[in-house]
Amino acid sequence: AYPPMEAREGWKISFKKLLNVLLFSVIFSSFLIISLCPFGSLEPDAVPRGGRSLTILLWTWPFGSSFNFTECSELLGVPGCHCHFTTNRSRFCRADAVILHHRDVCGDRERLARLPRLPTQPWIWLNMESPSHSSNLSAMDNLFNLTMSYRRDSDIFVPYGELQLLGQPQPVTIPHKSKLVAWVVSNWQEESHRVRYYQELRKHIPVDVYGKNHTPLAQDKLLATISQYTFYLAFENSQHQDYITEKLWRNALSSGTIPVVLGPPRDNYERFLPPDSFIHVDDFGSAQELARFLFELAWDAERYRGYFQWRRWFQPVLGTGWAWRLCRACHFLHTTEPRYRPVSHLAAWFM
């Protein structure tokens, strides 16, 4: 049997109310987007993407510290790589891309998700910290189109350093060595893997430790001091894929010493460096075995020099500096076809 006439009339009224509510929601949402993003910003630019300066909005200064923006074509040596960087959020809807630094937005997902975002505007997730020091990663799922980090499989790869091929072979010069092993550490955690390994290593070989709560070392004296040492402990604060930081690139390689590394496995390091350019703690059954090897190598000038032969063809180049990283994003946007699919499982990928 059909429902009574009164019920059917009530359904009609309720259905009309539902349509009105949905219509109002659509109109209000459109008004919100239009009010924040004027009509002009929604229209495609007449100039080809690769032939104009791109506007990139940096949502926050990383860690709250400002820096000078740089002309990317000059910094990267790539003609035509022009970008205008801004932190002015009123340019949000006119920006060709938005870069968001993880540490500064990881607790603000709800507000970010409510922003009237243009469907063709790339949002770039920027993070240079390891997963162990990146909180609230799961909240970042489905917010971003592109990833930008030290991971080689990021959309925009920004390593802490890299090797640059020299134009022609160069003679190898090794700084004079008068000391044995050094380590510079600021984040001292007694229970961390690297501190526990150091505590065992120091029982078998002397290690000079610099940094917070140890021997002070001014930043402008860092490289000159480390260059006097035969070996340097490039121990990362956590062990994750591709997490190879300035501890290796700046402290060890730029100072002209041999890095003893603790971080991801050896094969991961070998994606960045020649296998005979560093010593990995995993190659030894114990810290005592490593200490014995370091003593032997320090007294064998020919073998020691072998760890520097790669420098005939390559030189280490630091990838530090936020301006340089932003310019890598600028270059990517100029040279890569845009894609707008969300990164749905960012946390699972990065972990």
C-alpha atoms as a PDB file:
ATOM      1  CA  ALA A   1       0.000   0.000   0.000  1.00  0.00           C
ATOM      2  CA  TYR A   2       1.197   3.536  -0.748  1.00  0.00           C
ATOM      3  CA  PRO A   3       1.965   5.886   2.172  1.00  0.00           C
ATOM      4  CA  PRO A   4      -0.782   8.308   3.181  1.00  0.00           C
ATOM      5  CA  MET A   5      -1.138  11.526   1.198  1.00  0.00           C
ATOM      6  CA  GLU A   6       0.085  13.592   4.187  1.00  0.00           C
ATOM      7  CA  ALA A   7       3.333  11.623   4.357  1.00  0.00           C
ATOM      8  CA  ARG A   8       3.959  11.998   0.631  1.00  0.00           C
ATOM      9  CA  GLU A   9       3.412  15.753   0.857  1.00  0.00           C
ATOM     10  CA  GLY A  10       5.823  15.885   3.803  1.00  0.00           C
ATOM     11  CA  TRP A  11       8.453  14.044   1.780  1.00  0.00           C
ATOM     12  CA  LYS A  12       8.058  16.559  -1.053  1.00  0.00           C
ATOM     13  CA  ILE A  13       8.603  19.414   1.358  1.00  0.00           C
ATOM     14  CA  SER A  14      11.619  17.698   2.965  1.00  0.00           C
ATOM     15  CA  PHE A  15      13.094  16.916  -0.445  1.00  0.00           C
ATOM     16  CA  LYS A  16      12.685  20.538  -1.515  1.00  0.00           C
ATOM     17  CA  LYS A  17      14.400  21.669   1.683  1.00  0.00           C
ATOM     18  CA  LEU A  18      17.267  19.269   1.011  1.00  0.00           C
ATOM     19  CA  LEU A  19      17.673  20.615  -2.531  1.00  0.00           C
ATOM     20  CA  ASN A  20      17.662  24.168  -1.212  1.00  0.00           C
ATOM     21  CA  VAL A  21      20.325  23.318   1.377  1.00  0.00           C
ATOM     22  CA  LEU A  22      22.531  21.631  -1.258  1.00  0.00           C
ATOM     23  CA  LEU A  23      22.056  24.526  -3.672  1.00  0.00           C
ATOM     24  CA  PHE A  24      22.942  27.012  -0.957  1.00  0.00           C
ATOM     25  CA  SER A  25      26.087  25.006  -0.084  1.00  0.00           C
ATOM     26  CA  VAL A  26      27.254  25.006  -3.710  1.00  0.00           C
ATOM     27  CA  ILE A  27      26.606  28.736  -4.096  1.00  0.00           C
ATOM     28  CA  PHE A  28      28.293  29.553  -0.783  1.00  0.00           C
ATOM     29  CA  SER A  29      31.362  27.439  -1.626  1.00  0.00           C
ATOM     30  CA  SER A  30      31.634  29.091  -5.035  1.00  0.00           C
ATOM     31  CA  PHE A  31      31.292  32.512  -3.450  1.00  0.00           C
ATOM     32  CA  LEU A  32      34.006  31.675  -0.928  1.00  0.00           C
ATOM     33  CA  ILE A  33      36.439  30.597  -3.629  1.00  0.00           C
ATOM     34  CA  ILE A  34      35.619  33.603  -5.809  1.00  0.00           C
ATOM     35  CA  SER A  35      35.930  36.044  -2.920  1.00  0.00           C
ATOM     36  CA  LEU A  36      39.350  34.669  -1.993  1.00  0.00           C
ATOM     37  CA  CYS A  37      40.476  33.939  -5.542  1.00  0.00           C
ATOM     38  CA  PRO A  38      39.345  36.670  -7.996  1.00  0.00           C
ATOM     39  CA  PHE A  39      38.123  35.585 -11.450  1.00  0.00           C
ATOM     40  CA  GLY A  40      41.350  36.697 -13.068  1.00  0.00           C
ATOM     41  CA  SER A  41      43.427  34.205 -11.078  1.00  0.00           C
ATOM     42  CA  LEU A  42      41.293  31.287 -12.232  1.00  0.00           C
ATOM     43  CA  GLU A  43      41.971  31.918 -15.897  1.00  0.00           C
ATOM     44  CA  PRO A  44      44.935  30.089 -17.480  1.00  0.00           C
ATOM     45  CA  ASP A  45      47.844  32.342 -18.206  1.00  0.00           C
ATOM     46  CA  ALA A  46      48.306  33.103 -21.901  1.00  0.00           C
ATOM     47  CA  VAL A  47      52.092  32.811 -21.637  1.00  0.00           C
ATOM     48  CA  PRO A  48      53.466  29.244 -21.840  1.00  0.00           C
ATOM     49  CA  ARG A  49      54.363  27.810 -18.444  1.00  0.00           C
ATOM     50  CA  GLY A  50      58.037  27.391 -19.267  1.00  0.00           C
ATOM     51  CA  GLY A  51      58.400  30.899 -20.661  1.00  0.00           C
ATOM     52  CA  ARG A  52      57.386  33.029 -17.707  1.00  0.00           C
ATOM     53  CA  SER A  53      58.348  33.625 -14.111  1.00  0.00           C
ATOM     54  CA  LEU A  54      56.399  31.371 -11.764  1.00  0.00           C
ATOM     55  CA  THR A  55      55.003  32.635  -8.476  1.00  0.00           C
ATOM     56  CA  ILE A  56      55.704  30.272  -5.580  1.00  0.00           C
ATOM     57  CA  LEU A  57      54.180  30.858  -2.167  1.00  0.00           C
ATOM     58  CA  LEU A  58      56.229  29.712   0.810  1.00  0.00           C
ATOM     59  CA  TRP A  59      53.488  29.144   3.386  1.00  0.00           C
ATOM     60  CA  THR A  60      55.769  29.692   6.397  1.00  0.00           C
ATOM     61  CA  TRP A  61      59.444  30.426   6.912  1.00  0.00           C
ATOM     62  CA  PRO A  62      61.019  27.026   7.754  1.00  0.00           C
ATOM     63  CA  PHE A  63      61.363  26.797  11.530  1.00  0.00           C
ATOM     64  CA  GLY A  64      60.345  30.459  11.667  1.00  0.00           C
ATOM     65  CA  SER A  65      63.709  31.672  10.299  1.00  0.00           C
ATOM     66  CA  SER A  66      63.657  34.009   7.323  1.00  0.00           C
ATOM     67  CA  PHE A  67      66.289  34.127   4.571  1.00  0.00           C
ATOM     68  CA  ASN A  68      66.932  35.960   1.334  1.00  0.00           C
ATOM     69  CA  PHE A  69      65.298  34.653  -1.823  1.00  0.00           C
ATOM     70  CA  THR A  70      67.666  34.156  -4.749  1.00  0.00           C
ATOM     71  CA  GLU A  71      67.398  34.460  -8.527  1.00  0.00           C
ATOM     72  CA  CYS A  72      67.258  30.775  -9.446  1.00  0.00           C
ATOM     73  CA  SER A  73      68.628  31.102 -12.967  1.00  0.00           C
ATOM     74  CA  GLU A  74      71.850  32.452 -11.439  1.00  0.00           C
ATOM     75  CA  LEU A  75      72.007  30.119  -8.442  1.00  0.00           C
ATOM     76  CA  LEU A  76      71.429  26.970 -10.513  1.00  0.00           C
ATOM     77  CA  GLY A  77      73.115  28.228 -13.664  1.00  0.00           C
ATOM     78  CA  VAL A  78      69.975  27.457 -15.682  1.00  0.00           C
ATOM     79  CA  PRO A  79      68.821  30.245 -18.050  1.00  0.00           C
ATOM     80  CA  GLY A  80      65.080  30.810 -18.029  1.00  0.00           C
ATOM     81  CA  CYS A  81      64.568  29.288 -14.576  1.00  0.00           C
ATOM     82  CA  HIS A  82      62.762  32.285 -13.106  1.00  0.00           C
ATOM     83  CA  CYS A  83      60.535  32.212 -10.032  1.00  0.00           C
ATOM     84  CA  HIS A  84      59.102  34.877  -7.789  1.00  0.00           C
ATOM     85  CA  PHE A  85      58.992  33.639  -4.197  1.00  0.00           C
ATOM     86  CA  THR A  86      56.723  35.188  -1.618  1.00  0.00           C
ATOM     87  CA  THR A  87      55.447  34.559   1.910  1.00  0.00           C
ATOM     88  CA  ASN A  88      52.453  36.838   1.350  1.00  0.00           C
ATOM     89  CA  ARG A  89      49.397  34.593   1.704  1.00  0.00           C
ATOM     90  CA  SER A  90      47.193  37.101  -0.087  1.00  0.00           C
ATOM     91  CA  ARG A  91      48.920  35.728  -3.224  1.00  0.00           C
ATOM     92  CA  PHE A  92      47.661  32.233  -2.385  1.00  0.00           C
ATOM     93  CA  CYS A  93      45.156  31.931  -5.215  1.00  0.00           C
ATOM     94  CA  ARG A  94      47.479  33.484  -7.796  1.00  0.00           C
ATOM     95  CA  ALA A  95      50.440  31.283  -6.872  1.00  0.00           C
ATOM     96  CA  ASP A  96      51.606  28.681  -9.370  1.00  0.00           C
ATOM     97  CA  ALA A  97      52.564  26.453  -6.430  1.00  0.00           C
ATOM     98  CA  VAL A  98      52.567  26.464  -2.638  1.00  0.00           C
ATOM     99  CA  ILE A  99      55.417  25.022  -0.557  1.00  0.00           C
ATOM    100  CA  LEU A 100      54.563  23.909   2.983  1.00  0.00           C
ATOM    101  CA  HIS A 101      57.286  22.947   5.459  1.00  0.00           C
ATOM    102  CA  HIS A 102      56.244  19.890   7.457  1.00  0.00           C
ATOM    103  CA  ARG A 103      57.409  20.928  10.908  1.00  0.00           C
ATOM    104  CA  ASP A 104      55.472  24.195  10.656  1.00  0.00           C
ATOM    105  CA  VAL A 105      52.152  22.788   9.377  1.00  0.00           C
ATOM    106  CA  CYS A 106      51.957  19.234  10.728  1.00  0.00           C
ATOM    107  CA  GLY A 107      49.597  20.303  13.508  1.00  0.00           C
ATOM    108  CA  ASP A 108      47.347  22.383  11.272  1.00  0.00           C
ATOM    109  CA  ARG A 109      45.749  19.803   8.976  1.00  0.00           C
ATOM    110  CA  GLU A 110      42.114  20.778   9.580  1.00  0.00           C
ATOM    111  CA  ARG A 111      42.651  24.411   8.627  1.00  0.00           C
ATOM    112  CA  LEU A 112      44.708  23.496   5.573  1.00  0.00           C
ATOM    113  CA  ALA A 113      42.079  21.006   4.402  1.00  0.00           C
ATOM    114  CA  ARG A 114      39.400  23.714   4.545  1.00  0.00           C
ATOM    115  CA  LEU A 115      41.278  26.150   2.317  1.00  0.00           C
ATOM    116  CA  PRO A 116      39.493  26.862  -1.027  1.00  0.00           C
ATOM    117  CA  ARG A 117      42.220  25.236  -3.029  1.00  0.00           C
ATOM    118  CA  LEU A 118      42.399  25.487  -6.809  1.00  0.00           C
ATOM    119  CA  PRO A 119      42.398  22.037  -8.433  1.00  0.00           C
ATOM    120  CA  THR A 120      45.400  22.864 -10.643  1.00  0.00           C
ATOM    121  CA  GLN A 121      47.612  24.353  -7.926  1.00  0.00           C
ATOM    122  CA  PRO A 122      50.441  22.082  -6.757  1.00  0.00           C
ATOM    123  CA  TRP A 123      50.971  21.827  -3.017  1.00  0.00           C
ATOM    124  CA  ILE A 124      54.513  20.753  -2.230  1.00  0.00           C
ATOM    125  CA  TRP A 125      55.341  18.929   1.014  1.00  0.00           C
ATOM    126  CA  LEU A 126      58.854  19.961   2.148  1.00  0.00           C
ATOM    127  CA  ASN A 127      60.686  18.027   4.851  1.00  0.00           C
ATOM    128  CA  MET A 128      64.396  17.626   5.567  1.00  0.00           C
ATOM    129  CA  GLU A 129      64.008  15.787   8.884  1.00  0.00           C
ATOM    130  CA  SER A 130      64.024  12.003   9.294  1.00  0.00           C
ATOM    131  CA  PRO A 131      60.786  10.123  10.054  1.00  0.00           C
ATOM    132  CA  SER A 132      61.964   9.743  13.660  1.00  0.00           C
ATOM    133  CA  HIS A 133      61.848  13.523  14.002  1.00  0.00           C
ATOM    134  CA  SER A 134      58.749  14.215  11.867  1.00  0.00           C
ATOM    135  CA  SER A 135      55.641  14.200  14.003  1.00  0.00           C
ATOM    136  CA  ASN A 136      52.047  13.739  12.838  1.00  0.00           C
ATOM    137  CA  LEU A 137      52.977  12.327   9.429  1.00  0.00           C
ATOM    138  CA  SER A 138      49.671  10.522   8.947  1.00  0.00           C
ATOM    139  CA  ALA A 139      47.840  13.859   9.111  1.00  0.00           C
ATOM    140  CA  MET A 140      49.565  14.841   5.869  1.00  0.00           C
ATOM    141  CA  ASP A 141      47.921  12.134   3.754  1.00  0.00           C
ATOM    142  CA  ASN A 142      45.837  13.414   0.794  1.00  0.00           C
ATOM    143  CA  LEU A 143      46.887  17.060   1.288  1.00  0.00           C
ATOM    144  CA  PHE A 144      49.756  17.331  -1.187  1.00  0.00           C
ATOM    145  CA  ASN A 145      50.455  16.759  -4.881  1.00  0.00           C
ATOM    146  CA  LEU A 146      54.244  16.698  -4.694  1.00  0.00           C
ATOM    147  CA  THR A 147      56.948  15.662  -2.228  1.00  0.00           C
ATOM    148  CA  MET A 148      60.231  17.475  -1.686  1.00  0.00           C
ATOM    149  CA  SER A 149      62.877  15.972   0.584  1.00  0.00           C
ATOM    150  CA  TYR A 150      66.290  14.293   0.848  1.00  0.00           C
ATOM    151  CA  ARG A 151      64.722  11.025  -0.334  1.00  0.00           C
ATOM    152  CA  ARG A 152      65.844  10.058  -3.824  1.00  0.00           C
ATOM    153  CA  ASP A 153      62.321   8.934  -4.692  1.00  0.00           C
ATOM    154  CA  SER A 154      60.825  12.343  -3.829  1.00  0.00           C
ATOM    155  CA  ASP A 155      59.248  14.245  -6.700  1.00  0.00           C
ATOM    156  CA  ILE A 156      61.712  17.055  -5.986  1.00  0.00           C
ATOM    157  CA  PHE A 157      65.004  15.623  -4.729  1.00  0.00           C
ATOM    158  CA  VAL A 158      66.916  17.997  -2.431  1.00  0.00           C
ATOM    159  CA  PRO A 159      69.858  16.084  -0.924  1.00  0.00           C
ATOM    160  CA  TYR A 160      72.063  17.456   1.835  1.00  0.00           C
ATOM    161  CA  GLY A 161      74.935  17.133  -0.609  1.00  0.00           C
ATOM    162  CA  GLU A 162      76.074  15.465  -3.804  1.00  0.00           C
ATOM    163  CA  LEU A 163      79.168  14.760  -5.846  1.00  0.00           C
ATOM    164  CA  GLN A 164      79.882  17.002  -8.800  1.00  0.00           C
ATOM    165  CA  LEU A 165      81.878  15.663 -11.730  1.00  0.00           C
ATOM    166  CA  LEU A 166      85.003  17.706 -12.434  1.00  0.00           C
ATOM    167  CA  GLY A 167      85.777  18.939 -15.913  1.00  0.00           C
ATOM    168  CA  GLN A 168      89.088  17.085 -15.884  1.00  0.00           C
ATOM    169  CA  PRO A 169      91.005  14.941 -13.374  1.00  0.00           C
ATOM    170  CA  GLN A 170      92.636  16.892 -10.551  1.00  0.00           C
ATOM    171  CA  PRO A 171      95.581  16.031  -8.297  1.00  0.00           C
ATOM    172  CA  VAL A 172      94.584  14.739  -4.868  1.00  0.00           C
ATOM    173  CA  THR A 173      95.527  16.913  -1.907  1.00  0.00           C
ATOM    174  CA  ILE A 174      95.053  15.609   1.627  1.00  0.00           C
ATOM    175  CA  PRO A 175      95.184  18.053   4.558  1.00  0.00           C
ATOM    176  CA  HIS A 176      97.910  17.380   7.105  1.00  0.00           C
ATOM    177  CA  LYS A 177      96.737  15.000   9.811  1.00  0.00           C
ATOM    178  CA  SER A 178      97.910  15.419  13.406  1.00  0.00           C
ATOM    179  CA  LYS A 179      94.963  13.879  15.326  1.00  0.00           C
ATOM    180  CA  LEU A 180      93.027  10.643  15.112  1.00  0.00           C
ATOM    181  CA  VAL A 181      89.207  10.693  15.459  1.00  0.00           C
ATOM    182  CA  ALA A 182      86.738  13.575  15.874  1.00  0.00           C
ATOM    183  CA  TRP A 183      82.999  13.836  16.388  1.00  0.00           C
ATOM    184  CA  VAL A 184      80.849  16.968  16.481  1.00  0.00           C
ATOM    185  CA  VAL A 185      77.461  16.403  18.125  1.00  0.00           C
ATOM    186  CA  SER A 186      74.805  18.828  19.339  1.00  0.00           C
ATOM    187  CA  ASN A 187      71.820  16.551  19.983  1.00  0.00           C
ATOM    188  CA  TRP A 188      73.214  14.260  22.682  1.00  0.00           C
ATOM    189  CA  GLN A 189      70.791  11.481  23.639  1.00  0.00           C
ATOM    190  CA  GLU A 190      72.289   8.892  26.005  1.00  0.00           C
ATOM    191  CA  GLU A 191      70.030   6.086  24.788  1.00  0.00           C
ATOM    192  CA  SER A 192      70.453   6.780  21.075  1.00  0.00           C
ATOM    193  CA  HIS A 193      72.181   4.211  18.896  1.00  0.00           C
ATOM    194  CA  ARG A 194      74.971   6.579  17.903  1.00  0.00           C
ATOM    195  CA  VAL A 195      75.848   7.592  21.476  1.00  0.00           C
ATOM    196  CA  ARG A 196      75.828   3.977  22.642  1.00  0.00           C
ATOM    197  CA  TYR A 197      78.116   3.028  19.745  1.00  0.00           C
ATOM    198  CA  TYR A 198      80.451   5.915  20.551  1.00  0.00           C
ATOM    199  CA  GLN A 199      80.583   4.876  24.230  1.00  0.00           C
ATOM    200  CA  GLU A 200      81.777   1.448  23.145  1.00  0.00           C
ATOM    201  CA  LEU A 201      84.188   2.772  20.499  1.00  0.00           C
ATOM    202  CA  ARG A 202      85.945   5.163  22.885  1.00  0.00           C
ATOM    203  CA  LYS A 203      87.025   2.195  25.019  1.00  0.00           C
ATOM    204  CA  HIS A 204      89.319   1.115  22.172  1.00  0.00           C
ATOM    205  CA  ILE A 205      90.370   4.340  20.423  1.00  0.00           C
ATOM    206  CA  PRO A 206      90.544   7.999  21.550  1.00  0.00           C
ATOM    207  CA  VAL A 207      87.763  10.208  20.175  1.00  0.00           C
ATOM    208  CA  ASP A 208      87.701  14.003  20.543  1.00  0.00           C
ATOM    209  CA  VAL A 209      84.098  15.166  20.938  1.00  0.00           C
ATOM    210  CA  TYR A 210      82.988  18.712  20.138  1.00  0.00           C
ATOM    211  CA  GLY A 211      79.659  20.459  20.529  1.00  0.00           C
ATOM    212  CA  LYS A 212      77.028  21.036  23.188  1.00  0.00           C
ATOM    213  CA  ASN A 213      78.202  19.799  26.634  1.00  0.00           C
ATOM    214  CA  HIS A 214      81.594  18.950  25.114  1.00  0.00           C
ATOM    215  CA  THR A 215      84.537  20.936  23.752  1.00  0.00           C
ATOM    216  CA  PRO A 216      83.130  24.172  22.224  1.00  0.00           C
ATOM    217  CA  LEU A 217      83.735  24.640  18.509  1.00  0.00           C
ATOM    218  CA  ALA A 218      82.805  27.829  16.656  1.00  0.00           C
ATOM    219  CA  GLN A 219      81.091  27.352  13.301  1.00  0.00           C
ATOM    220  CA  ASP A 220      83.777  29.289  11.450  1.00  0.00           C
ATOM    221  CA  LYS A 221      86.444  26.971  12.908  1.00  0.00           C
ATOM    222  CA  LEU A 222      84.603  23.748  12.133  1.00  0.00           C
ATOM    223  CA  LEU A 223      86.196  22.661   8.858  1.00  0.00           C
ATOM    224  CA  ALA A 224      89.706  23.782   9.780  1.00  0.00           C
ATOM    225  CA  THR A 225      89.507  21.837  13.028  1.00  0.00           C
ATOM    226  CA  ILE A 226      88.113  18.630  11.556  1.00  0.00           C
ATOM    227  CA  SER A 227      90.614  18.699   8.674  1.00  0.00           C
ATOM    228  CA  GLN A 228      93.376  17.916  11.204  1.00  0.00           C
ATOM    229  CA  TYR A 229      91.760  14.571  12.027  1.00  0.00           C
ATOM    230  CA  THR A 230      92.411  11.286  10.265  1.00  0.00           C
ATOM    231  CA  PHE A 231      88.790  10.151  10.662  1.00  0.00           C
ATOM    232  CA  TYR A 232      85.460  11.769  11.410  1.00  0.00           C
ATOM    233  CA  LEU A 233      82.405  10.064  12.926  1.00  0.00           C
ATOM    234  CA  ALA A 234      79.518  10.973  10.611  1.00  0.00           C
ATOM    235  CA  PHE A 235      76.886   9.426  12.876  1.00  0.00           C
ATOM    236  CA  GLU A 236      73.259  10.241  11.984  1.00  0.00           C
ATOM    237  CA  ASN A 237      70.712  10.826  14.755  1.00  0.00           C
ATOM    238  CA  SER A 238      68.449   8.134  13.272  1.00  0.00           C
ATOM    239  CA  GLN A 239      68.694   5.448  10.621  1.00  0.00           C
ATOM    240  CA  HIS A 240      66.390   5.865   7.640  1.00  0.00           C
ATOM    241  CA  GLN A 241      66.522   5.465   3.861  1.00  0.00           C
ATOM    242  CA  ASP A 242      68.639   8.197   2.196  1.00  0.00           C
ATOM    243  CA  TYR A 243      68.960  10.153   5.454  1.00  0.00           C
ATOM    244  CA  ILE A 244      72.589  11.207   4.910  1.00  0.00           C
ATOM    245  CA  THR A 245      73.085  14.722   6.176  1.00  0.00           C
ATOM    246  CA  GLU A 246      75.623  17.511   6.493  1.00  0.00           C
ATOM    247  CA  LYS A 247      77.431  15.362   9.064  1.00  0.00           C
ATOM    248  CA  LEU A 248      78.921  13.553   6.085  1.00  0.00           C
ATOM    249  CA  TRP A 249      78.785  16.148   3.291  1.00  0.00           C
ATOM    250  CA  ARG A 250      80.027  19.178   5.207  1.00  0.00           C
ATOM    251  CA  ASN A 251      81.774  17.974   8.348  1.00  0.00           C
ATOM    252  CA  ALA A 252      83.659  15.047   6.834  1.00  0.00           C
ATOM    253  CA  LEU A 253      83.977  15.395   3.061  1.00  0.00           C
ATOM    254  CA  SER A 254      84.282  19.185   2.850  1.00  0.00           C
ATOM    255  CA  SER A 255      86.985  19.165   5.534  1.00  0.00           C
ATOM    256  CA  GLY A 256      89.064  16.539   3.744  1.00  0.00           C
ATOM    257  CA  THR A 257      88.904  13.579   6.105  1.00  0.00           C
ATOM    258  CA  ILE A 258      87.564  10.024   5.906  1.00  0.00           C
ATOM    259  CA  PRO A 259      84.010   9.618   7.222  1.00  0.00           C
ATOM    260  CA  VAL A 260      83.144   6.722   9.488  1.00  0.00           C
ATOM    261  CA  VAL A 261      79.407   6.470   8.934  1.00  0.00           C
ATOM    262  CA  LEU A 262      76.495   5.223  11.014  1.00  0.00           C
ATOM    263  CA  GLY A 263      73.133   5.586   9.326  1.00  0.00           C
ATOM    264  CA  PRO A 264      71.338   3.628   6.605  1.00  0.00           C
ATOM    265  CA  PRO A 265      72.995   0.454   5.244  1.00  0.00           C
ATOM    266  CA  ARG A 266      76.166   0.589   3.156  1.00  0.00           C
ATOM    267  CA  ASP A 267      74.352   0.009  -0.136  1.00  0.00           C
ATOM    268  CA  ASN A 268      72.289   3.132   0.534  1.00  0.00           C
ATOM    269  CA  TYR A 269      75.440   5.214   0.987  1.00  0.00           C
ATOM    270  CA  GLU A 270      76.831   3.759  -2.231  1.00  0.00           C
ATOM    271  CA  ARG A 271      73.972   5.360  -4.167  1.00  0.00           C
ATOM    272  CA  PHE A 272      75.555   8.693  -3.244  1.00  0.00           C
ATOM    273  CA  LEU A 273      79.270   7.902  -2.865  1.00  0.00           C
ATOM    274  CA  PRO A 274      82.000   5.612  -4.238  1.00  0.00           C
ATOM    275  CA  PRO A 275      82.308   2.494  -2.043  1.00  0.00           C
ATOM    276  CA  ASP A 276      85.953   3.279  -1.195  1.00  0.00           C
ATOM    277  CA  SER A 277      85.293   6.829   0.018  1.00  0.00           C
ATOM    278  CA  PHE A 278      83.941   5.986   3.488  1.00  0.00           C
ATOM    279  CA  ILE A 279      84.034   3.409   6.269  1.00  0.00           C
ATOM    280  CA  HIS A 280      80.739   1.925   7.502  1.00  0.00           C
ATOM    281  CA  VAL A 281      80.335   0.671  11.063  1.00  0.00           C
ATOM    282  CA  ASP A 282      78.256  -2.243   9.737  1.00  0.00           C
ATOM    283  CA  ASP A 283      81.366  -3.636   8.037  1.00  0.00           C
ATOM    284  CA  PHE A 284      82.682  -4.653  11.461  1.00  0.00           C
ATOM    285  CA  GLY A 285      81.417  -7.159  13.994  1.00  0.00           C
ATOM    286  CA  SER A 286      82.067  -4.817  16.906  1.00  0.00           C
ATOM    287  CA  ALA A 287      83.307  -1.354  17.825  1.00  0.00           C
ATOM    288  CA  GLN A 288      86.559  -2.965  18.906  1.00  0.00           C
ATOM    289  CA  GLU A 289      87.090  -4.389  15.409  1.00  0.00           C
ATOM    290  CA  LEU A 290      86.415  -0.969  13.899  1.00  0.00           C
ATOM    291  CA  ALA A 291      88.923   0.658  16.255  1.00  0.00           C
ATOM    292  CA  ARG A 292      91.580  -1.880  15.302  1.00  0.00           C
ATOM    293  CA  PHE A 293      90.947  -1.188  11.595  1.00  0.00           C
ATOM    294  CA  LEU A 294      91.186   2.596  12.098  1.00  0.00           C
ATOM    295  CA  PHE A 295      94.517   2.275  13.908  1.00  0.00           C
ATOM    296  CA  GLU A 296      95.914   0.092  11.108  1.00  0.00           C
ATOM    297  CA  LEU A 297      94.650   2.384   8.350  1.00  0.00           C
ATOM    298  CA  ALA A 298      96.014   5.493  10.039  1.00  0.00           C
ATOM    299  CA  TRP A 299      99.513   4.004   9.966  1.00  0.00           C
ATOM    300  CA  ASP A 300      99.294   2.798   6.362  1.00  0.00           C
ATOM    301  CA  ALA A 301      99.782   5.934   4.233  1.00  0.00           C
ATOM    302  CA  GLU A 302      99.193   4.199   0.890  1.00  0.00           C
ATOM    303  CA  ARG A 303      95.938   2.540   1.945  1.00  0.00           C
ATOM    304  CA  TYR A 304      94.781   5.724   3.623  1.00  0.00           C
ATOM    305  CA  ARG A 305      95.417   7.725   0.466  1.00  0.00           C
ATOM    306  CA  GLY A 306      93.283   5.225  -1.464  1.00  0.00           C
ATOM    307  CA  TYR A 307      90.190   6.596   0.257  1.00  0.00           C
ATOM    308  CA  PHE A 308      90.783   9.936  -1.471  1.00  0.00           C
ATOM    309  CA  GLN A 309      91.300   8.788  -5.055  1.00  0.00           C
ATOM    310  CA  TRP A 310      87.678   9.544  -5.999  1.00  0.00           C
ATOM    311  CA  ARG A 311      88.525  13.209  -5.509  1.00  0.00           C
ATOM    312  CA  ARG A 312      90.471  13.152  -8.774  1.00  0.00           C
ATOM    313  CA  TRP A 313      87.135  13.110 -10.637  1.00  0.00           C
ATOM    314  CA  PHE A 314      84.567  14.459  -8.157  1.00  0.00           C
ATOM    315  CA  GLN A 315      84.113  17.185  -5.605  1.00  0.00           C
ATOM    316  CA  PRO A 316      81.530  17.296  -2.797  1.00  0.00           C
ATOM    317  CA  VAL A 317      78.921  20.033  -3.126  1.00  0.00           C
ATOM    318  CA  LEU A 318      76.721  21.013  -0.201  1.00  0.00           C
ATOM    319  CA  GLY A 319      72.962  21.036  -0.737  1.00  0.00           C
ATOM    320  CA  THR A 320      72.223  23.037   2.365  1.00  0.00           C
ATOM    321  CA  GLY A 321      70.408  26.354   2.298  1.00  0.00           C
ATOM    322  CA  TRP A 322      66.688  26.957   1.925  1.00  0.00           C
ATOM    323  CA  ALA A 323      67.118  29.269  -1.066  1.00  0.00           C
ATOM    324  CA  TRP A 324      68.868  26.476  -2.986  1.00  0.00           C
ATOM    325  CA  ARG A 325      66.077  24.041  -2.120  1.00  0.00           C
ATOM    326  CA  LEU A 326      63.386  26.437  -3.267  1.00  0.00           C
ATOM    327  CA  CYS A 327      65.222  26.903  -6.532  1.00  0.00           C
ATOM    328  CA  ARG A 328      65.239  23.137  -7.068  1.00  0.00           C
ATOM    329  CA  ALA A 329      61.458  23.317  -6.779  1.00  0.00           C
ATOM    330  CA  CYS A 330      61.427  26.222  -9.236  1.00  0.00           C
ATOM    331  CA  HIS A 331      63.451  24.196 -11.739  1.00  0.00           C
ATOM    332  CA  PHE A 332      61.173  21.178 -11.312  1.00  0.00           C
ATOM    333  CA  LEU A 333      58.036  23.222 -11.951  1.00  0.00           C
ATOM    334  CA  HIS A 334      59.580  24.762 -15.070  1.00  0.00           C
ATOM    335  CA  THR A 335      60.723  21.468 -16.541  1.00  0.00           C
ATOM    336  CA  THR A 336      58.122  18.908 -15.490  1.00  0.00           C
ATOM    337  CA  GLU A 337      54.576  18.450 -16.715  1.00  0.00           C
ATOM    338  CA  PRO A 338      52.200  19.310 -13.876  1.00  0.00           C
ATOM    339  CA  ARG A 339      50.219  16.554 -12.174  1.00  0.00           C
ATOM    340  CA  TYR A 340      47.499  17.024  -9.643  1.00  0.00           C
ATOM    341  CA  ARG A 341      46.851  13.620  -8.078  1.00  0.00           C
ATOM    342  CA  PRO A 342      47.073  13.691  -4.267  1.00  0.00           C
ATOM    343  CA  VAL A 343      49.810  11.895  -2.345  1.00  0.00           C
ATOM    344  CA  SER A 344      47.394   9.580  -0.572  1.00  0.00           C
ATOM    345  CA  HIS A 345      49.800   7.610   1.620  1.00  0.00           C
ATOM    346  CA  LEU A 346      52.570  10.084   2.391  1.00  0.00           C
ATOM    347  CA  ALA A 347      53.191   8.711   5.889  1.00  0.00           C
ATOM    348  CA  ALA A 348      53.502   5.098   4.720  1.00  0.00           C
ATOM    349  CA  TRP A 349      55.896   6.132   1.933  1.00  0.00           C
ATOM    350  CA  PHE A 350      58.120   8.340   4.087  1.00  0.00           C
ATOM    351  CA  MET A 351      58.368   5.925   6.995  1.00  0.00           C
END
